Amino acid sequence: MISTPTPTPAAIREDVLAPGIFADEAAFISIAHGVVTLTFTRQVFDDMSNGSPVPIRKVALRLSLPVSVAEAMGSGVVEYIGKLRLAAAESTEMPAGSPTVN
């Protein structure tokens, strides 16, 4: 059995020149040999067509991670979104004893 090495925790150094990539869909997921590959796409328009532009999907990024890292990332994203939703719901609730508007 092949084991995936555990990454050593290290300080994160910001790189302002690191590319920021926008994608509006996680189109494909594949797992092979202990590596998860996520393919992200975005909608663009094909201006090469005759007539009006035709919307197409273009691959924006392929991200490959060890399975354990992908699992941790997925759990972390779901947990973070849950906290944001809870905070948003709490901020819209009326405090006890507040006047109500009919």
Protein backbone atom coordinates (compact mmCIF):
# COMPACT_ATOMS: atom_id res chain seq x y z
CA MET A 1 0.00 0.00 0.00
CA ILE A 2 1.31 3.42 -0.92
CA SER A 3 0.97 6.04 1.78
CA THR A 4 0.56 9.73 1.05
CA PRO A 5 3.12 11.82 2.89
CA THR A 6 1.68 14.27 5.40
CA PRO A 7 2.68 17.83 4.54
CA THR A 8 4.71 19.58 7.20
CA PRO A 9 2.88 22.65 8.53
CA ALA A 10 4.70 25.77 7.42
CA ALA A 11 4.14 29.50 7.49
CA ILE A 12 2.23 30.87 4.52
CA ARG A 13 3.99 33.61 2.60
CA GLU A 14 1.71 35.83 0.53
CA ASP A 15 2.62 36.30 -3.12
CA VAL A 16 0.75 39.24 -4.63
CA LEU A 17 1.83 38.07 -8.08
CA ALA A 18 0.16 34.66 -7.71
CA PRO A 19 -2.56 34.32 -10.33
CA GLY A 20 -6.18 34.72 -9.32
CA ILE A 21 -8.40 32.55 -11.49
CA PHE A 22 -12.16 32.88 -11.87
CA ALA A 23 -14.27 29.82 -12.62
CA ASP A 24 -18.04 29.48 -12.43
CA GLU A 25 -18.29 25.69 -12.52
CA ALA A 26 -16.46 22.66 -11.18
CA ALA A 27 -17.00 20.61 -14.33
CA PHE A 28 -15.10 17.37 -13.72
CA ILE A 29 -13.61 15.42 -10.83
CA SER A 30 -11.33 12.45 -11.29
CA ILE A 31 -9.39 10.31 -8.83
CA ALA A 32 -6.43 8.18 -9.85
CA HIS A 33 -3.47 6.86 -7.90
CA GLY A 34 -4.40 8.79 -4.75
CA VAL A 35 -4.69 12.13 -6.55
CA VAL A 36 -7.93 14.09 -6.99
CA THR A 37 -8.03 16.33 -10.05
CA LEU A 38 -10.68 19.04 -10.20
CA THR A 39 -11.34 20.74 -13.53
CA PHE A 40 -12.87 24.20 -13.29
CA THR A 41 -14.47 25.99 -16.24
CA ARG A 42 -15.94 29.36 -17.08
CA GLN A 43 -18.34 30.55 -19.73
CA VAL A 44 -16.85 32.59 -22.56
CA PHE A 45 -18.14 33.54 -25.99
CA ASP A 46 -16.83 32.17 -29.27
CA ASP A 47 -16.45 35.18 -31.53
CA MET A 48 -15.17 33.04 -34.41
CA SER A 49 -18.68 31.91 -35.33
CA ASN A 50 -20.59 33.46 -38.20
CA GLY A 51 -23.15 35.78 -36.69
CA SER A 52 -23.69 36.29 -32.99
CA PRO A 53 -21.21 35.09 -30.39
CA VAL A 54 -21.89 31.55 -29.15
CA PRO A 55 -21.45 30.77 -25.43
CA ILE A 56 -18.94 27.97 -24.76
CA ARG A 57 -17.26 26.56 -21.66
CA LYS A 58 -13.50 26.98 -21.40
CA VAL A 59 -11.23 25.16 -18.96
CA ALA A 60 -9.92 27.78 -16.52
CA LEU A 61 -7.90 25.56 -14.17
CA ARG A 62 -7.04 21.98 -13.31
CA LEU A 63 -6.18 21.49 -9.66
CA SER A 64 -4.60 18.21 -8.50
CA LEU A 65 -4.36 17.34 -4.80
CA PRO A 66 -3.68 14.24 -2.74
CA VAL A 67 -6.98 12.67 -1.64
CA SER A 68 -6.39 13.58 2.03
CA VAL A 69 -5.79 17.24 1.17
CA ALA A 70 -8.87 17.34 -1.09
CA GLU A 71 -11.00 15.84 1.72
CA ALA A 72 -9.72 18.42 4.21
CA MET A 73 -10.29 21.24 1.73
CA GLY A 74 -13.85 20.09 0.99
CA SER A 75 -14.70 19.80 4.69
CA GLY A 76 -13.15 23.19 5.37
CA VAL A 77 -15.11 24.89 2.59
CA VAL A 78 -18.42 23.37 3.75
CA GLU A 79 -17.72 24.36 7.38
CA TYR A 80 -16.75 27.92 6.39
CA ILE A 81 -19.87 28.42 4.26
CA GLY A 82 -22.00 27.09 7.14
CA LYS A 83 -20.45 29.65 9.51
CA LEU A 84 -21.09 32.46 7.02
CA ARG A 85 -24.74 31.42 6.62
CA LEU A 86 -25.20 31.21 10.39
CA ALA A 87 -23.66 34.67 10.86
CA ALA A 88 -25.88 36.10 8.12
CA ALA A 89 -29.00 34.54 9.67
CA GLU A 90 -28.10 35.87 13.13
CA SER A 91 -27.50 39.37 11.81
CA THR A 92 -31.00 39.51 10.27
CA GLU A 93 -32.82 38.33 13.41
CA MET A 94 -34.55 40.95 15.54
CA PRO A 95 -33.20 41.19 19.12
CA ALA A 96 -35.63 40.12 21.84
CA GLY A 97 -37.90 42.99 22.87
CA SER A 98 -37.40 44.92 19.63
CA PRO A 99 -40.45 46.66 18.19
CA THR A 100 -42.01 44.90 15.23
CA VAL A 101 -43.22 46.49 12.01
CA ASN A 102 -46.61 45.35 10.69
